N, C-alpha and C. Protein backbone atom coordinates (compact mmCIF):
# COMPACT_ATOMS: atom_id res chain seq x y z
N MET A 1 30.56 -56.14 -82.23
CA MET A 1 31.10 -54.88 -82.81
C MET A 1 30.39 -53.60 -81.71
N LYS A 2 29.56 -53.73 -80.89
CA LYS A 2 28.48 -53.07 -79.64
C LYS A 2 29.53 -52.74 -78.89
N LYS A 3 30.92 -53.42 -78.48
CA LYS A 3 31.97 -53.12 -76.99
C LYS A 3 32.67 -51.89 -77.87
N PHE A 4 32.79 -51.99 -78.88
CA PHE A 4 34.07 -50.96 -79.75
C PHE A 4 33.20 -49.62 -79.59
N PRO A 5 33.85 -48.62 -79.96
CA PRO A 5 33.64 -46.91 -80.04
C PRO A 5 32.68 -47.04 -81.12
N LYS A 6 32.43 -46.10 -81.38
CA LYS A 6 31.19 -45.70 -82.44
C LYS A 6 31.76 -45.63 -83.73
N GLU A 7 32.86 -45.24 -83.78
CA GLU A 7 33.43 -44.45 -84.95
C GLU A 7 34.43 -46.37 -85.49
N ILE A 8 34.87 -46.64 -84.92
CA ILE A 8 35.20 -47.97 -85.09
C ILE A 8 33.66 -49.04 -85.46
N GLU A 9 32.94 -49.19 -84.66
CA GLU A 9 31.60 -49.90 -85.46
C GLU A 9 31.10 -49.25 -86.50
N ASP A 10 31.01 -47.90 -86.90
CA ASP A 10 31.02 -47.27 -88.20
C ASP A 10 31.65 -47.80 -89.12
N PHE A 11 32.64 -47.56 -89.40
CA PHE A 11 34.45 -48.23 -89.97
C PHE A 11 33.73 -49.60 -90.70
N GLY A 12 33.57 -50.62 -89.59
CA GLY A 12 33.31 -51.68 -90.03
C GLY A 12 32.18 -52.18 -90.52
N ASN A 13 30.88 -51.33 -90.09
CA ASN A 13 29.60 -51.42 -91.29
C ASN A 13 29.63 -50.95 -92.84
N ALA A 14 30.99 -49.40 -92.76
CA ALA A 14 31.12 -48.94 -94.12
C ALA A 14 32.18 -50.17 -94.94
N PHE A 15 33.17 -50.61 -93.97
CA PHE A 15 33.66 -51.69 -94.41
C PHE A 15 32.45 -53.04 -95.47
N VAL A 16 32.19 -53.52 -94.58
CA VAL A 16 30.95 -54.45 -94.92
C VAL A 16 30.26 -53.73 -96.04
N THR A 17 29.73 -52.56 -96.34
CA THR A 17 29.05 -51.91 -97.19
C THR A 17 29.22 -52.25 -98.36
N ALA A 18 31.22 -51.66 -98.56
CA ALA A 18 31.76 -51.50 -99.55
C ALA A 18 32.13 -52.77 -100.31
N GLN A 19 32.37 -54.10 -99.46
CA GLN A 19 32.42 -55.14 -100.02
C GLN A 19 31.22 -56.09 -101.06
N ILE A 20 30.14 -55.33 -100.10
CA ILE A 20 29.09 -55.82 -101.17
C ILE A 20 29.01 -55.48 -102.26
N LYS A 21 29.29 -53.92 -102.63
CA LYS A 21 28.92 -53.63 -103.25
C LYS A 21 30.17 -53.76 -104.47
N ARG A 22 31.49 -53.71 -104.02
CA ARG A 22 32.42 -54.53 -104.90
C ARG A 22 32.22 -55.86 -105.39
N HIS A 23 31.84 -57.02 -104.61
CA HIS A 23 31.11 -58.16 -104.91
C HIS A 23 29.98 -57.93 -105.78
N SER A 24 28.97 -57.31 -105.87
CA SER A 24 27.92 -56.84 -106.89
C SER A 24 28.60 -56.50 -108.07
N ALA A 25 29.86 -55.66 -107.99
CA ALA A 25 30.37 -55.10 -109.52
C ALA A 25 31.36 -55.93 -110.12
N ASP A 26 31.67 -57.44 -109.06
CA ASP A 26 32.95 -58.16 -110.02
C ASP A 26 32.07 -59.15 -110.45
N TYR A 27 31.17 -59.79 -109.72
CA TYR A 27 30.01 -60.73 -110.15
C TYR A 27 28.76 -60.81 -110.29
N ASP A 28 28.15 -59.76 -110.31
CA ASP A 28 26.80 -59.40 -111.30
C ASP A 28 26.81 -58.70 -112.28
N PRO A 29 26.88 -59.38 -113.82
CA PRO A 29 26.95 -58.54 -114.97
C PRO A 29 25.55 -57.20 -115.23
N GLU A 30 24.77 -57.48 -114.03
CA GLU A 30 23.59 -56.83 -114.14
C GLU A 30 23.86 -55.68 -113.41
N TYR A 31 24.72 -55.28 -112.78
CA TYR A 31 24.87 -54.18 -111.72
C TYR A 31 25.40 -52.94 -112.21
N ARG A 32 24.91 -51.84 -111.91
CA ARG A 32 25.22 -50.85 -112.22
C ARG A 32 25.12 -49.58 -111.22
N ILE A 33 25.61 -48.69 -111.79
CA ILE A 33 25.95 -47.17 -110.57
C ILE A 33 26.59 -46.28 -111.25
N LEU A 34 25.95 -45.36 -110.63
CA LEU A 34 26.23 -43.95 -111.27
C LEU A 34 27.52 -43.36 -110.74
N ARG A 35 28.37 -42.60 -111.46
CA ARG A 35 29.56 -42.02 -111.11
C ARG A 35 29.15 -41.06 -109.71
N SER A 36 28.13 -40.44 -109.81
CA SER A 36 28.01 -39.82 -108.11
C SER A 36 27.85 -40.59 -107.20
N GLU A 37 27.53 -42.02 -107.42
CA GLU A 37 27.51 -42.85 -106.09
C GLU A 37 28.76 -43.16 -105.54
N VAL A 38 29.43 -43.12 -106.76
CA VAL A 38 30.99 -43.80 -106.85
C VAL A 38 31.60 -42.80 -105.81
N LEU A 39 31.34 -41.41 -106.33
CA LEU A 39 31.62 -40.27 -105.69
C LEU A 39 31.69 -39.88 -104.05
N ALA A 40 30.27 -40.37 -104.11
CA ALA A 40 29.68 -40.18 -102.35
C ALA A 40 30.16 -41.48 -101.65
N ASP A 41 30.87 -42.61 -102.34
CA ASP A 41 30.74 -43.84 -101.37
C ASP A 41 32.31 -43.52 -101.61
N ILE A 42 33.02 -43.03 -101.91
CA ILE A 42 34.52 -42.66 -101.70
C ILE A 42 34.48 -41.90 -100.70
N ASP A 43 34.01 -40.33 -100.61
CA ASP A 43 33.33 -39.72 -99.63
C ASP A 43 33.16 -40.32 -98.27
N SER A 44 32.07 -41.17 -98.24
CA SER A 44 32.03 -42.16 -97.05
C SER A 44 33.24 -42.80 -96.76
N ALA A 45 33.63 -43.64 -97.19
CA ALA A 45 35.34 -44.17 -96.77
C ALA A 45 36.04 -43.59 -96.53
N GLY A 46 36.26 -42.10 -96.93
CA GLY A 46 37.44 -41.46 -96.55
C GLY A 46 36.60 -40.93 -94.94
N GLU A 47 35.61 -40.48 -94.82
CA GLU A 47 35.17 -39.88 -93.74
C GLU A 47 35.16 -41.23 -92.29
N ALA A 48 35.23 -42.63 -92.65
CA ALA A 48 34.86 -43.72 -92.19
C ALA A 48 36.51 -43.77 -91.40
N ILE A 49 37.34 -43.75 -92.81
CA ILE A 49 38.63 -43.85 -92.22
C ILE A 49 39.67 -42.75 -91.19
N ARG A 50 38.89 -41.63 -91.65
CA ARG A 50 39.16 -40.42 -90.56
C ARG A 50 38.63 -40.83 -89.28
N ALA A 51 37.64 -41.16 -89.09
CA ALA A 51 37.11 -41.47 -88.07
C ALA A 51 37.69 -42.27 -87.11
N PHE A 52 37.95 -43.46 -87.81
CA PHE A 52 38.79 -44.86 -87.07
C PHE A 52 40.04 -44.41 -86.78
N LYS A 53 40.57 -43.45 -87.54
CA LYS A 53 42.05 -42.90 -86.70
C LYS A 53 42.10 -42.25 -85.66
N LYS A 54 41.10 -41.37 -85.28
CA LYS A 54 41.15 -40.62 -84.20
C LYS A 54 40.56 -41.70 -83.06
N CYS A 55 40.34 -42.91 -83.04
CA CYS A 55 40.08 -43.81 -82.25
C CYS A 55 41.33 -44.52 -81.41
N SER A 56 41.56 -44.54 -80.30
CA SER A 56 42.73 -45.12 -79.37
C SER A 56 43.48 -45.96 -80.19
N ILE A 57 44.89 -45.98 -80.04
CA ILE A 57 45.25 -47.25 -80.75
C ILE A 57 44.89 -48.83 -80.28
N LYS A 58 44.87 -48.40 -78.76
CA LYS A 58 44.35 -49.93 -78.10
C LYS A 58 42.70 -50.08 -78.42
N SER A 59 41.86 -49.27 -79.00
CA SER A 59 40.95 -49.67 -79.61
C SER A 59 41.00 -50.37 -80.86
N ARG A 60 41.64 -49.44 -81.80
CA ARG A 60 42.03 -50.07 -83.35
C ARG A 60 42.79 -51.46 -83.19
N ARG A 61 43.44 -51.93 -81.99
CA ARG A 61 44.18 -52.92 -82.33
C ARG A 61 43.21 -54.40 -81.46
N ALA A 62 42.20 -53.74 -80.49
CA ALA A 62 41.39 -55.00 -80.56
C ALA A 62 40.40 -55.11 -81.21
N PHE A 63 39.94 -53.90 -82.38
CA PHE A 63 39.17 -54.26 -83.14
C PHE A 63 39.85 -55.28 -84.46
N ALA A 64 41.14 -54.74 -84.76
CA ALA A 64 42.60 -55.87 -85.07
C ALA A 64 41.90 -57.07 -85.03
N ALA A 65 42.39 -57.06 -84.04
CA ALA A 65 42.52 -58.55 -82.94
C ALA A 65 40.96 -59.18 -83.27
N TRP A 66 40.03 -58.67 -82.86
CA TRP A 66 38.34 -59.38 -83.17
C TRP A 66 38.22 -59.46 -84.62
N VAL A 67 38.73 -58.52 -85.51
CA VAL A 67 38.29 -59.27 -86.98
C VAL A 67 38.93 -60.65 -87.35
N THR A 68 40.59 -60.28 -86.68
CA THR A 68 40.78 -61.95 -87.21
C THR A 68 40.74 -63.10 -86.69
N LEU A 69 40.29 -62.50 -85.40
CA LEU A 69 40.11 -63.92 -84.34
C LEU A 69 38.39 -64.37 -84.23
N THR A 70 37.78 -63.29 -84.88
CA THR A 70 36.16 -63.52 -84.72
C THR A 70 35.69 -64.68 -85.59
N ASN A 71 34.72 -66.01 -85.65
CA ASN A 71 34.20 -66.52 -86.50
C ASN A 71 33.18 -65.95 -87.38
N ARG A 72 33.13 -65.82 -88.65
CA ARG A 72 31.85 -64.94 -89.29
C ARG A 72 31.12 -65.84 -90.24
N LYS A 73 30.16 -65.64 -90.36
CA LYS A 73 29.32 -66.26 -91.32
C LYS A 73 29.09 -65.73 -92.60
């Protein structure tokens, strides 16, 4: 991830954070979240997407290929 522009790195980190929260919401019956936290998360996701879209198409395509082809643990 360090080889990509900061905006793409931030997008990837935001995605992982959102995915962790989604898994908690789906599978942890004890998980609770406030409406204000959800709204803040929606704003953060929107900001990450807008910044991602400002990156060059070349960088976005490279990121898509990297995500698809990289072994993740």
